Amino acid sequence: MSKDSPFPGSWQRAMLPMLLLAELSTGHAHGYALSKSLQDRGFGPIKGATLYPALAKLEASGLVETRWEEGQGGPGRKVYELSDSGYAELESHRANFDMLAQLVRTTGR
């Protein structure tokens, strides 16, 4: 666990794909904006070496679609958007996460 995040690194790696899908469910974004939003919400800093491979896997799986946006006075950037199958996958992740959270809350009582 880092001082910047309440979650151990293994949890961050496991939760990142689901959280990226959730972020993209509100609209398209580029990688830096996704990282910044998650950090602002308390997830902790995400290194590019972690973020971009996760986004590439989501793209390769067909869960996100990408396009290049022209830069304003700078280089262009890749923009990510949730695909229809990405929305379905997110709903599945949310349901499974809810079941897991319920299991953690009720086990051992």
PDB file of N, CA and C in Angstrom:
ATOM      1  N   MET A   1       0.851  -1.178   0.000  1.00  0.00           N
ATOM      2  CA  MET A   1       0.000   0.000   0.000  1.00  0.00           C
ATOM      3  C   MET A   1       0.894   1.237   0.000  1.00  0.00           C
ATOM      4  N   SER A   2       0.606   2.177  -0.877  1.00  0.00           N
ATOM      5  CA  SER A   2       1.405   3.401  -0.903  1.00  0.00           C
ATOM      6  C   SER A   2       0.736   4.442  -0.027  1.00  0.00           C
ATOM      7  N   LYS A   3       1.505   5.449   0.331  1.00  0.00           N
ATOM      8  CA  LYS A   3       0.944   6.521   1.153  1.00  0.00           C
ATOM      9  C   LYS A   3      -0.085   7.345   0.376  1.00  0.00           C
ATOM     10  N   ASP A   4      -0.048   7.235  -0.980  1.00  0.00           N
ATOM     11  CA  ASP A   4      -0.962   8.013  -1.819  1.00  0.00           C
ATOM     12  C   ASP A   4      -2.267   7.284  -2.122  1.00  0.00           C
ATOM     13  N   SER A   5      -2.358   6.009  -1.766  1.00  0.00           N
ATOM     14  CA  SER A   5      -3.548   5.225  -2.070  1.00  0.00           C
ATOM     15  C   SER A   5      -3.895   4.325  -0.891  1.00  0.00           C
ATOM     16  N   PRO A   6      -5.177   4.191  -0.604  1.00  0.00           N
ATOM     17  CA  PRO A   6      -5.574   3.282   0.476  1.00  0.00           C
ATOM     18  C   PRO A   6      -5.562   1.816   0.043  1.00  0.00           C
ATOM     19  N   PHE A   7      -5.282   1.544  -1.227  1.00  0.00           N
ATOM     20  CA  PHE A   7      -5.359   0.191  -1.762  1.00  0.00           C
ATOM     21  C   PHE A   7      -3.980  -0.383  -2.038  1.00  0.00           C
ATOM     22  N   PRO A   8      -3.770  -1.655  -1.706  1.00  0.00           N
ATOM     23  CA  PRO A   8      -2.507  -2.301  -2.084  1.00  0.00           C
ATOM     24  C   PRO A   8      -2.374  -2.347  -3.606  1.00  0.00           C
ATOM     25  N   GLY A   9      -1.147  -2.420  -4.085  1.00  0.00           N
ATOM     26  CA  GLY A   9      -0.891  -2.439  -5.522  1.00  0.00           C
ATOM     27  C   GLY A   9      -1.633  -3.538  -6.249  1.00  0.00           C
ATOM     28  N   SER A  10      -1.736  -4.713  -5.640  1.00  0.00           N
ATOM     29  CA  SER A  10      -2.440  -5.826  -6.292  1.00  0.00           C
ATOM     30  C   SER A  10      -3.924  -5.499  -6.474  1.00  0.00           C
ATOM     31  N   TRP A  11      -4.513  -4.794  -5.533  1.00  0.00           N
ATOM     32  CA  TRP A  11      -5.910  -4.384  -5.665  1.00  0.00           C
ATOM     33  C   TRP A  11      -6.048  -3.353  -6.773  1.00  0.00           C
ATOM     34  N   GLN A  12      -5.106  -2.414  -6.822  1.00  0.00           N
ATOM     35  CA  GLN A  12      -5.156  -1.393  -7.862  1.00  0.00           C
ATOM     36  C   GLN A  12      -5.103  -2.037  -9.246  1.00  0.00           C
ATOM     37  N   ARG A  13      -4.186  -2.978  -9.446  1.00  0.00           N
ATOM     38  CA  ARG A  13      -4.073  -3.640 -10.750  1.00  0.00           C
ATOM     39  C   ARG A  13      -5.351  -4.417 -11.076  1.00  0.00           C
ATOM     40  N   ALA A  14      -5.942  -5.054 -10.076  1.00  0.00           N
ATOM     41  CA  ALA A  14      -7.152  -5.848 -10.307  1.00  0.00           C
ATOM     42  C   ALA A  14      -8.372  -4.960 -10.586  1.00  0.00           C
ATOM     43  N   MET A  15      -8.456  -3.825  -9.916  1.00  0.00           N
ATOM     44  CA  MET A  15      -9.628  -2.956 -10.048  1.00  0.00           C
ATOM     45  C   MET A  15      -9.546  -1.992 -11.222  1.00  0.00           C
ATOM     46  N   LEU A  16      -8.342  -1.740 -11.726  1.00  0.00           N
ATOM     47  CA  LEU A  16      -8.161  -0.721 -12.750  1.00  0.00           C
ATOM     48  C   LEU A  16      -9.040  -0.918 -13.984  1.00  0.00           C
ATOM     49  N   PRO A  17      -9.105  -2.109 -14.590  1.00  0.00           N
ATOM     50  CA  PRO A  17      -9.963  -2.245 -15.773  1.00  0.00           C
ATOM     51  C   PRO A  17     -11.431  -1.885 -15.500  1.00  0.00           C
ATOM     52  N   MET A  18     -11.975  -2.346 -14.379  1.00  0.00           N
ATOM     53  CA  MET A  18     -13.358  -2.037 -14.045  1.00  0.00           C
ATOM     54  C   MET A  18     -13.537  -0.534 -13.841  1.00  0.00           C
ATOM     55  N   LEU A  19     -12.593   0.097 -13.167  1.00  0.00           N
ATOM     56  CA  LEU A  19     -12.704   1.529 -12.924  1.00  0.00           C
ATOM     57  C   LEU A  19     -12.549   2.346 -14.205  1.00  0.00           C
ATOM     58  N   LEU A  20     -11.710   1.889 -15.115  1.00  0.00           N
ATOM     59  CA  LEU A  20     -11.591   2.572 -16.405  1.00  0.00           C
ATOM     60  C   LEU A  20     -12.899   2.476 -17.182  1.00  0.00           C
ATOM     61  N   LEU A  21     -13.518   1.299 -17.182  1.00  0.00           N
ATOM     62  CA  LEU A  21     -14.822   1.152 -17.837  1.00  0.00           C
ATOM     63  C   LEU A  21     -15.849   2.076 -17.197  1.00  0.00           C
ATOM     64  N   ALA A  22     -15.833   2.151 -15.874  1.00  0.00           N
ATOM     65  CA  ALA A  22     -16.788   3.012 -15.167  1.00  0.00           C
ATOM     66  C   ALA A  22     -16.555   4.477 -15.517  1.00  0.00           C
ATOM     67  N   GLU A  23     -15.295   4.899 -15.571  1.00  0.00           N
ATOM     68  CA  GLU A  23     -14.993   6.283 -15.951  1.00  0.00           C
ATOM     69  C   GLU A  23     -15.493   6.580 -17.355  1.00  0.00           C
ATOM     70  N   LEU A  24     -15.265   5.636 -18.260  1.00  0.00           N
ATOM     71  CA  LEU A  24     -15.666   5.849 -19.651  1.00  0.00           C
ATOM     72  C   LEU A  24     -17.178   5.763 -19.854  1.00  0.00           C
ATOM     73  N   SER A  25     -17.899   5.228 -18.882  1.00  0.00           N
ATOM     74  CA  SER A  25     -19.359   5.155 -19.010  1.00  0.00           C
ATOM     75  C   SER A  25     -19.994   6.543 -18.956  1.00  0.00           C
ATOM     76  N   THR A  26     -19.242   7.536 -18.492  1.00  0.00           N
ATOM     77  CA  THR A  26     -19.764   8.903 -18.432  1.00  0.00           C
ATOM     78  C   THR A  26     -19.409   9.711 -19.673  1.00  0.00           C
ATOM     79  N   GLY A  27     -18.584   9.137 -20.561  1.00  0.00           N
ATOM     80  CA  GLY A  27     -18.208   9.827 -21.787  1.00  0.00           C
ATOM     81  C   GLY A  27     -16.781   9.508 -22.179  1.00  0.00           C
ATOM     82  N   HIS A  28     -16.396   9.935 -23.364  1.00  0.00           N
ATOM     83  CA  HIS A  28     -15.055   9.645 -23.865  1.00  0.00           C
ATOM     84  C   HIS A  28     -14.010  10.468 -23.122  1.00  0.00           C
ATOM     85  N   ALA A  29     -12.767   9.974 -23.126  1.00  0.00           N
ATOM     86  CA  ALA A  29     -11.671  10.680 -22.453  1.00  0.00           C
ATOM     87  C   ALA A  29     -10.343  10.155 -22.965  1.00  0.00           C
ATOM     88  N   HIS A  30      -9.314  10.936 -22.788  1.00  0.00           N
ATOM     89  CA  HIS A  30      -7.971  10.481 -23.099  1.00  0.00           C
ATOM     90  C   HIS A  30      -7.340   9.918 -21.828  1.00  0.00           C
ATOM     91  N   GLY A  31      -6.231   9.229 -21.985  1.00  0.00           N
ATOM     92  CA  GLY A  31      -5.613   8.508 -20.874  1.00  0.00           C
ATOM     93  C   GLY A  31      -5.300   9.368 -19.665  1.00  0.00           C
ATOM     94  N   TYR A  32      -4.695  10.541 -19.895  1.00  0.00           N
ATOM     95  CA  TYR A  32      -4.330  11.389 -18.767  1.00  0.00           C
ATOM     96  C   TYR A  32      -5.569  11.812 -17.978  1.00  0.00           C
ATOM     97  N   ALA A  33      -6.656  12.156 -18.677  1.00  0.00           N
ATOM     98  CA  ALA A  33      -7.887  12.573 -17.996  1.00  0.00           C
ATOM     99  C   ALA A  33      -8.463  11.425 -17.168  1.00  0.00           C
ATOM    100  N   LEU A  34      -8.395  10.208 -17.689  1.00  0.00           N
ATOM    101  CA  LEU A  34      -8.872   9.050 -16.932  1.00  0.00           C
ATOM    102  C   LEU A  34      -8.062   8.872 -15.655  1.00  0.00           C
ATOM    103  N   SER A  35      -6.750   8.931 -15.793  1.00  0.00           N
ATOM    104  CA  SER A  35      -5.860   8.779 -14.652  1.00  0.00           C
ATOM    105  C   SER A  35      -6.112   9.861 -13.606  1.00  0.00           C
ATOM    106  N   LYS A  36      -6.220  11.090 -14.064  1.00  0.00           N
ATOM    107  CA  LYS A  36      -6.442  12.227 -13.155  1.00  0.00           C
ATOM    108  C   LYS A  36      -7.769  12.104 -12.434  1.00  0.00           C
ATOM    109  N   SER A  37      -8.812  11.711 -13.137  1.00  0.00           N
ATOM    110  CA  SER A  37     -10.123  11.569 -12.519  1.00  0.00           C
ATOM    111  C   SER A  37     -10.112  10.492 -11.425  1.00  0.00           C
ATOM    112  N   LEU A  38      -9.501   9.345 -11.737  1.00  0.00           N
ATOM    113  CA  LEU A  38      -9.430   8.282 -10.736  1.00  0.00           C
ATOM    114  C   LEU A  38      -8.602   8.713  -9.531  1.00  0.00           C
ATOM    115  N   GLN A  39      -7.513   9.411  -9.783  1.00  0.00           N
ATOM    116  CA  GLN A  39      -6.692   9.891  -8.673  1.00  0.00           C
ATOM    117  C   GLN A  39      -7.463  10.891  -7.826  1.00  0.00           C
ATOM    118  N   ASP A  40      -8.169  11.803  -8.464  1.00  0.00           N
ATOM    119  CA  ASP A  40      -8.963  12.805  -7.743  1.00  0.00           C
ATOM    120  C   ASP A  40     -10.047  12.158  -6.890  1.00  0.00           C
ATOM    121  N   ARG A  41     -10.523  10.997  -7.309  1.00  0.00           N
ATOM    122  CA  ARG A  41     -11.582  10.299  -6.570  1.00  0.00           C
ATOM    123  C   ARG A  41     -11.024   9.371  -5.497  1.00  0.00           C
ATOM    124  N   GLY A  42      -9.682   9.360  -5.316  1.00  0.00           N
ATOM    125  CA  GLY A  42      -9.099   8.612  -4.206  1.00  0.00           C
ATOM    126  C   GLY A  42      -8.450   7.301  -4.552  1.00  0.00           C
ATOM    127  N   PHE A  43      -8.357   6.965  -5.844  1.00  0.00           N
ATOM    128  CA  PHE A  43      -7.770   5.690  -6.239  1.00  0.00           C
ATOM    129  C   PHE A  43      -6.261   5.686  -6.067  1.00  0.00           C
ATOM    130  N   GLY A  44      -5.653   6.835  -6.109  1.00  0.00           N
ATOM    131  CA  GLY A  44      -4.198   6.932  -6.025  1.00  0.00           C
ATOM    132  C   GLY A  44      -3.614   7.153  -7.395  1.00  0.00           C
ATOM    133  N   PRO A  45      -2.337   7.530  -7.435  1.00  0.00           N
ATOM    134  CA  PRO A  45      -1.702   7.797  -8.730  1.00  0.00           C
ATOM    135  C   PRO A  45      -1.569   6.527  -9.562  1.00  0.00           C
ATOM    136  N   ILE A  46      -1.727   6.677 -10.875  1.00  0.00           N
ATOM    137  CA  ILE A  46      -1.595   5.552 -11.802  1.00  0.00           C
ATOM    138  C   ILE A  46      -0.471   5.888 -12.766  1.00  0.00           C
ATOM    139  N   LYS A  47       0.533   5.058 -12.792  1.00  0.00           N
ATOM    140  CA  LYS A  47       1.645   5.279 -13.708  1.00  0.00           C
ATOM    141  C   LYS A  47       1.225   4.917 -15.126  1.00  0.00           C
ATOM    142  N   GLY A  48       1.804   5.625 -16.093  1.00  0.00           N
ATOM    143  CA  GLY A  48       1.518   5.348 -17.495  1.00  0.00           C
ATOM    144  C   GLY A  48       1.835   3.916 -17.876  1.00  0.00           C
ATOM    145  N   ALA A  49       2.861   3.343 -17.248  1.00  0.00           N
ATOM    146  CA  ALA A  49       3.242   1.956 -17.532  1.00  0.00           C
ATOM    147  C   ALA A  49       2.186   0.964 -17.053  1.00  0.00           C
ATOM    148  N   THR A  50       1.281   1.407 -16.221  1.00  0.00           N
ATOM    149  CA  THR A  50       0.153   0.582 -15.767  1.00  0.00           C
ATOM    150  C   THR A  50      -1.111   0.938 -16.543  1.00  0.00           C
ATOM    151  N   LEU A  51      -1.341   2.233 -16.723  1.00  0.00           N
ATOM    152  CA  LEU A  51      -2.562   2.720 -17.356  1.00  0.00           C
ATOM    153  C   LEU A  51      -2.692   2.301 -18.812  1.00  0.00           C
ATOM    154  N   TYR A  52      -1.674   2.585 -19.613  1.00  0.00           N
ATOM    155  CA  TYR A  52      -1.813   2.383 -21.059  1.00  0.00           C
ATOM    156  C   TYR A  52      -1.877   0.911 -21.466  1.00  0.00           C
ATOM    157  N   PRO A  53      -1.153   0.005 -20.812  1.00  0.00           N
ATOM    158  CA  PRO A  53      -1.370  -1.416 -21.120  1.00  0.00           C
ATOM    159  C   PRO A  53      -2.788  -1.880 -20.753  1.00  0.00           C
ATOM    160  N   ALA A  54      -3.341  -1.354 -19.655  1.00  0.00           N
ATOM    161  CA  ALA A  54      -4.716  -1.716 -19.273  1.00  0.00           C
ATOM    162  C   ALA A  54      -5.706  -1.219 -20.330  1.00  0.00           C
ATOM    163  N   LEU A  55      -5.505   0.004 -20.808  1.00  0.00           N
ATOM    164  CA  LEU A  55      -6.377   0.533 -21.853  1.00  0.00           C
ATOM    165  C   LEU A  55      -6.216  -0.259 -23.155  1.00  0.00           C
ATOM    166  N   ALA A  56      -4.994  -0.641 -23.479  1.00  0.00           N
ATOM    167  CA  ALA A  56      -4.752  -1.439 -24.688  1.00  0.00           C
ATOM    168  C   ALA A  56      -5.459  -2.787 -24.613  1.00  0.00           C
ATOM    169  N   LYS A  57      -5.473  -3.405 -23.438  1.00  0.00           N
ATOM    170  CA  LYS A  57      -6.174  -4.687 -23.264  1.00  0.00           C
ATOM    171  C   LYS A  57      -7.679  -4.500 -23.426  1.00  0.00           C
ATOM    172  N   LEU A  58      -8.204  -3.423 -22.888  1.00  0.00           N
ATOM    173  CA  LEU A  58      -9.641  -3.146 -23.046  1.00  0.00           C
ATOM    174  C   LEU A  58      -9.979  -2.917 -24.519  1.00  0.00           C
ATOM    175  N   GLU A  59      -9.093  -2.228 -25.221  1.00  0.00           N
ATOM    176  CA  GLU A  59      -9.306  -1.988 -26.652  1.00  0.00           C
ATOM    177  C   GLU A  59      -9.225  -3.302 -27.429  1.00  0.00           C
ATOM    178  N   ALA A  60      -8.213  -4.118 -27.140  1.00  0.00           N
ATOM    179  CA  ALA A  60      -8.036  -5.398 -27.838  1.00  0.00           C
ATOM    180  C   ALA A  60      -9.221  -6.335 -27.586  1.00  0.00           C
ATOM    181  N   SER A  61      -9.849  -6.207 -26.433  1.00  0.00           N
ATOM    182  CA  SER A  61     -11.013  -7.030 -26.090  1.00  0.00           C
ATOM    183  C   SER A  61     -12.306  -6.488 -26.686  1.00  0.00           C
ATOM    184  N   GLY A  62     -12.241  -5.329 -27.321  1.00  0.00           N
ATOM    185  CA  GLY A  62     -13.429  -4.734 -27.920  1.00  0.00           C
ATOM    186  C   GLY A  62     -14.316  -4.008 -26.937  1.00  0.00           C
ATOM    187  N   LEU A  63     -13.801  -3.755 -25.724  1.00  0.00           N
ATOM    188  CA  LEU A  63     -14.608  -3.095 -24.705  1.00  0.00           C
ATOM    189  C   LEU A  63     -14.548  -1.574 -24.813  1.00  0.00           C
ATOM    190  N   VAL A  64     -13.482  -1.076 -25.431  1.00  0.00           N
ATOM    191  CA  VAL A  64     -13.378   0.357 -25.706  1.00  0.00           C
ATOM    192  C   VAL A  64     -12.998   0.553 -27.170  1.00  0.00           C
ATOM    193  N   GLU A  65     -13.417   1.671 -27.694  1.00  0.00           N
ATOM    194  CA  GLU A  65     -13.058   2.069 -29.048  1.00  0.00           C
ATOM    195  C   GLU A  65     -12.189   3.310 -28.928  1.00  0.00           C
ATOM    196  N   THR A  66     -11.340   3.533 -29.915  1.00  0.00           N
ATOM    197  CA  THR A  66     -10.429   4.676 -29.863  1.00  0.00           C
ATOM    198  C   THR A  66     -10.478   5.478 -31.146  1.00  0.00           C
ATOM    199  N   ARG A  67     -10.054   6.713 -31.018  1.00  0.00           N
ATOM    200  CA  ARG A  67      -9.876   7.578 -32.177  1.00  0.00           C
ATOM    201  C   ARG A  67      -8.810   8.609 -31.799  1.00  0.00           C
ATOM    202  N   TRP A  68      -8.211   9.197 -32.810  1.00  0.00           N
ATOM    203  CA  TRP A  68      -7.214  10.241 -32.575  1.00  0.00           C
ATOM    204  C   TRP A  68      -7.884  11.591 -32.673  1.00  0.00           C
ATOM    205  N   GLU A  69      -7.552  12.458 -31.723  1.00  0.00           N
ATOM    206  CA  GLU A  69      -8.064  13.820 -31.699  1.00  0.00           C
ATOM    207  C   GLU A  69      -6.900  14.749 -31.991  1.00  0.00           C
ATOM    208  N   GLU A  70      -7.134  15.712 -32.843  1.00  0.00           N
ATOM    209  CA  GLU A  70      -6.095  16.694 -33.149  1.00  0.00           C
ATOM    210  C   GLU A  70      -5.736  17.476 -31.892  1.00  0.00           C
ATOM    211  N   GLY A  71      -4.458  17.737 -31.718  1.00  0.00           N
ATOM    212  CA  GLY A  71      -4.016  18.543 -30.588  1.00  0.00           C
ATOM    213  C   GLY A  71      -4.155  20.020 -30.886  1.00  0.00           C
ATOM    214  N   GLN A  72      -4.401  20.800 -29.885  1.00  0.00           N
ATOM    215  CA  GLN A  72      -4.502  22.251 -30.049  1.00  0.00           C
ATOM    216  C   GLN A  72      -3.149  22.847 -29.674  1.00  0.00           C
ATOM    217  N   GLY A  73      -2.319  23.060 -30.674  1.00  0.00           N
ATOM    218  CA  GLY A  73      -0.995  23.599 -30.428  1.00  0.00           C
ATOM    219  C   GLY A  73       0.003  22.558 -29.960  1.00  0.00           C
ATOM    220  N   GLY A  74      -0.372  21.306 -29.979  1.00  0.00           N
ATOM    221  CA  GLY A  74       0.503  20.225 -29.541  1.00  0.00           C
ATOM    222  C   GLY A  74       0.166  18.962 -30.289  1.00  0.00           C
ATOM    223  N   PRO A  75       0.742  17.865 -29.850  1.00  0.00           N
ATOM    224  CA  PRO A  75       0.473  16.604 -30.550  1.00  0.00           C
ATOM    225  C   PRO A  75      -0.968  16.128 -30.325  1.00  0.00           C
ATOM    226  N   GLY A  76      -1.440  15.301 -31.231  1.00  0.00           N
ATOM    227  CA  GLY A  76      -2.758  14.704 -31.061  1.00  0.00           C
ATOM    228  C   GLY A  76      -2.737  13.705 -29.918  1.00  0.00           C
ATOM    229  N   ARG A  77      -3.910  13.224 -29.559  1.00  0.00           N
ATOM    230  CA  ARG A  77      -3.970  12.244 -28.485  1.00  0.00           C
ATOM    231  C   ARG A  77      -5.067  11.226 -28.777  1.00  0.00           C
ATOM    232  N   LYS A  78      -4.868  10.059 -28.223  1.00  0.00           N
ATOM    233  CA  LYS A  78      -5.817   8.971 -28.387  1.00  0.00           C
ATOM    234  C   LYS A  78      -6.960   9.168 -27.391  1.00  0.00           C
ATOM    235  N   VAL A  79      -8.175   9.050 -27.894  1.00  0.00           N
ATOM    236  CA  VAL A  79      -9.360   9.210 -27.059  1.00  0.00           C
ATOM    237  C   VAL A  79     -10.070   7.869 -26.992  1.00  0.00           C
ATOM    238  N   TYR A  80     -10.487   7.507 -25.795  1.00  0.00           N
ATOM    239  CA  TYR A  80     -11.122   6.216 -25.534  1.00  0.00           C
ATOM    240  C   TYR A  80     -12.606   6.426 -25.278  1.00  0.00           C
ATOM    241  N   GLU A  81     -13.406   5.458 -25.765  1.00  0.00           N
ATOM    242  CA  GLU A  81     -14.859   5.511 -25.581  1.00  0.00           C
ATOM    243  C   GLU A  81     -15.360   4.093 -25.357  1.00  0.00           C
ATOM    244  N   LEU A  82     -16.319   3.954 -24.472  1.00  0.00           N
ATOM    245  CA  LEU A  82     -16.879   2.641 -24.163  1.00  0.00           C
ATOM    246  C   LEU A  82     -17.696   2.129 -25.354  1.00  0.00           C
ATOM    247  N   SER A  83     -17.483   0.877 -25.718  1.00  0.00           N
ATOM    248  CA  SER A  83     -18.287   0.243 -26.768  1.00  0.00           C
ATOM    249  C   SER A  83     -19.540  -0.352 -26.128  1.00  0.00           C
ATOM    250  N   ASP A  84     -20.446  -0.834 -26.956  1.00  0.00           N
ATOM    251  CA  ASP A  84     -21.650  -1.488 -26.423  1.00  0.00           C
ATOM    252  C   ASP A  84     -21.276  -2.679 -25.549  1.00  0.00           C
ATOM    253  N   SER A  85     -20.301  -3.474 -26.001  1.00  0.00           N
ATOM    254  CA  SER A  85     -19.899  -4.623 -25.180  1.00  0.00           C
ATOM    255  C   SER A  85     -19.185  -4.152 -23.914  1.00  0.00           C
ATOM    256  N   GLY A  86     -18.574  -2.965 -23.949  1.00  0.00           N
ATOM    257  CA  GLY A  86     -17.951  -2.401 -22.748  1.00  0.00           C
ATOM    258  C   GLY A  86     -18.983  -2.056 -21.686  1.00  0.00           C
ATOM    259  N   TYR A  87     -20.132  -1.510 -22.131  1.00  0.00           N
ATOM    260  CA  TYR A  87     -21.215  -1.229 -21.181  1.00  0.00           C
ATOM    261  C   TYR A  87     -21.711  -2.523 -20.537  1.00  0.00           C
ATOM    262  N   ALA A  88     -21.880  -3.567 -21.334  1.00  0.00           N
ATOM    263  CA  ALA A  88     -22.349  -4.852 -20.802  1.00  0.00           C
ATOM    264  C   ALA A  88     -21.322  -5.436 -19.832  1.00  0.00           C
ATOM    265  N   GLU A  89     -20.048  -5.340 -20.185  1.00  0.00           N
ATOM    266  CA  GLU A  89     -18.990  -5.851 -19.309  1.00  0.00           C
ATOM    267  C   GLU A  89     -18.958  -5.083 -17.989  1.00  0.00           C
ATOM    268  N   LEU A  90     -19.130  -3.785 -18.050  1.00  0.00           N
ATOM    269  CA  LEU A  90     -19.155  -2.976 -16.834  1.00  0.00           C
ATOM    270  C   LEU A  90     -20.296  -3.403 -15.918  1.00  0.00           C
ATOM    271  N   GLU A  91     -21.468  -3.625 -16.479  1.00  0.00           N
ATOM    272  CA  GLU A  91     -22.599  -4.070 -15.657  1.00  0.00           C
ATOM    273  C   GLU A  91     -22.311  -5.423 -15.012  1.00  0.00           C
ATOM    274  N   SER A  92     -21.678  -6.318 -15.744  1.00  0.00           N
ATOM    275  CA  SER A  92     -21.290  -7.618 -15.194  1.00  0.00           C
ATOM    276  C   SER A  92     -20.280  -7.442 -14.060  1.00  0.00           C
ATOM    277  N   HIS A  93     -19.276  -6.583 -14.276  1.00  0.00           N
ATOM    278  CA  HIS A  93     -18.278  -6.309 -13.227  1.00  0.00           C
ATOM    279  C   HIS A  93     -18.939  -5.737 -11.984  1.00  0.00           C
ATOM    280  N   ARG A  94     -19.857  -4.804 -12.183  1.00  0.00           N
ATOM    281  CA  ARG A  94     -20.536  -4.180 -11.034  1.00  0.00           C
ATOM    282  C   ARG A  94     -21.337  -5.212 -10.246  1.00  0.00           C
ATOM    283  N   ALA A  95     -22.033  -6.084 -10.935  1.00  0.00           N
ATOM    284  CA  ALA A  95     -22.818  -7.119 -10.249  1.00  0.00           C
ATOM    285  C   ALA A  95     -21.895  -8.061  -9.472  1.00  0.00           C
ATOM    286  N   ASN A  96     -20.800  -8.469 -10.096  1.00  0.00           N
ATOM    287  CA  ASN A  96     -19.855  -9.351  -9.408  1.00  0.00           C
ATOM    288  C   ASN A  96     -19.204  -8.660  -8.223  1.00  0.00           C
ATOM    289  N   PHE A  97     -18.877  -7.391  -8.380  1.00  0.00           N
ATOM    290  CA  PHE A  97     -18.279  -6.637  -7.284  1.00  0.00           C
ATOM    291  C   PHE A  97     -19.265  -6.509  -6.123  1.00  0.00           C
ATOM    292  N   ASP A  98     -20.534  -6.267  -6.435  1.00  0.00           N
ATOM    293  CA  ASP A  98     -21.551  -6.185  -5.385  1.00  0.00           C
ATOM    294  C   ASP A  98     -21.661  -7.502  -4.623  1.00  0.00           C
ATOM    295  N   MET A  99     -21.600  -8.627  -5.353  1.00  0.00           N
ATOM    296  CA  MET A  99     -21.644  -9.940  -4.686  1.00  0.00           C
ATOM    297  C   MET A  99     -20.429 -10.135  -3.788  1.00  0.00           C
ATOM    298  N   LEU A 100     -19.255  -9.741  -4.274  1.00  0.00           N
ATOM    299  CA  LEU A 100     -18.038  -9.870  -3.486  1.00  0.00           C
ATOM    300  C   LEU A 100     -18.106  -8.998  -2.239  1.00  0.00           C
ATOM    301  N   ALA A 101     -18.552  -7.766  -2.395  1.00  0.00           N
ATOM    302  CA  ALA A 101     -18.662  -6.860  -1.244  1.00  0.00           C
ATOM    303  C   ALA A 101     -19.636  -7.427  -0.215  1.00  0.00           C
ATOM    304  N   GLN A 102     -20.736  -7.999  -0.666  1.00  0.00           N
ATOM    305  CA  GLN A 102     -21.703  -8.603   0.247  1.00  0.00           C
ATOM    306  C   GLN A 102     -21.085  -9.786   0.981  1.00  0.00           C
ATOM    307  N   LEU A 103     -20.327 -10.598   0.274  1.00  0.00           N
ATOM    308  CA  LEU A 103     -19.641 -11.738   0.879  1.00  0.00           C
ATOM    309  C   LEU A 103     -18.677 -11.275   1.964  1.00  0.00           C
ATOM    310  N   VAL A 104     -17.921 -10.224   1.681  1.00  0.00           N
ATOM    311  CA  VAL A 104     -16.958  -9.704   2.664  1.00  0.00           C
ATOM    312  C   VAL A 104     -17.700  -9.157   3.885  1.00  0.00           C
ATOM    313  N   ARG A 105     -18.811  -8.472   3.666  1.00  0.00           N
ATOM    314  CA  ARG A 105     -19.570  -7.879   4.783  1.00  0.00           C
ATOM    315  C   ARG A 105     -20.200  -8.937   5.676  1.00  0.00           C
ATOM    316  N   THR A 106     -20.594 -10.075   5.111  1.00  0.00           N
ATOM    317  CA  THR A 106     -21.363 -11.046   5.892  1.00  0.00           C
ATOM    318  C   THR A 106     -20.578 -12.258   6.352  1.00  0.00           C
ATOM    319  N   THR A 107     -19.401 -12.491   5.802  1.00  0.00           N
ATOM    320  CA  THR A 107     -18.610 -13.640   6.213  1.00  0.00           C
ATOM    321  C   THR A 107     -18.032 -13.410   7.598  1.00  0.00           C
ATOM    322  N   GLY A 108     -18.134 -14.438   8.442  1.00  0.00           N
ATOM    323  CA  GLY A 108     -17.553 -14.360   9.769  1.00  0.00           C
ATOM    324  C   GLY A 108     -18.466 -13.747  10.811  1.00  0.00           C
ATOM    325  N   ARG A 109     -19.680 -13.485  10.458  1.00  0.00           N
ATOM    326  CA  ARG A 109     -20.618 -12.897  11.434  1.00  0.00           C
ATOM    327  C   ARG A 109     -21.426 -13.961  12.105  1.00  0.00           C
TER     328      ARG A 109
END
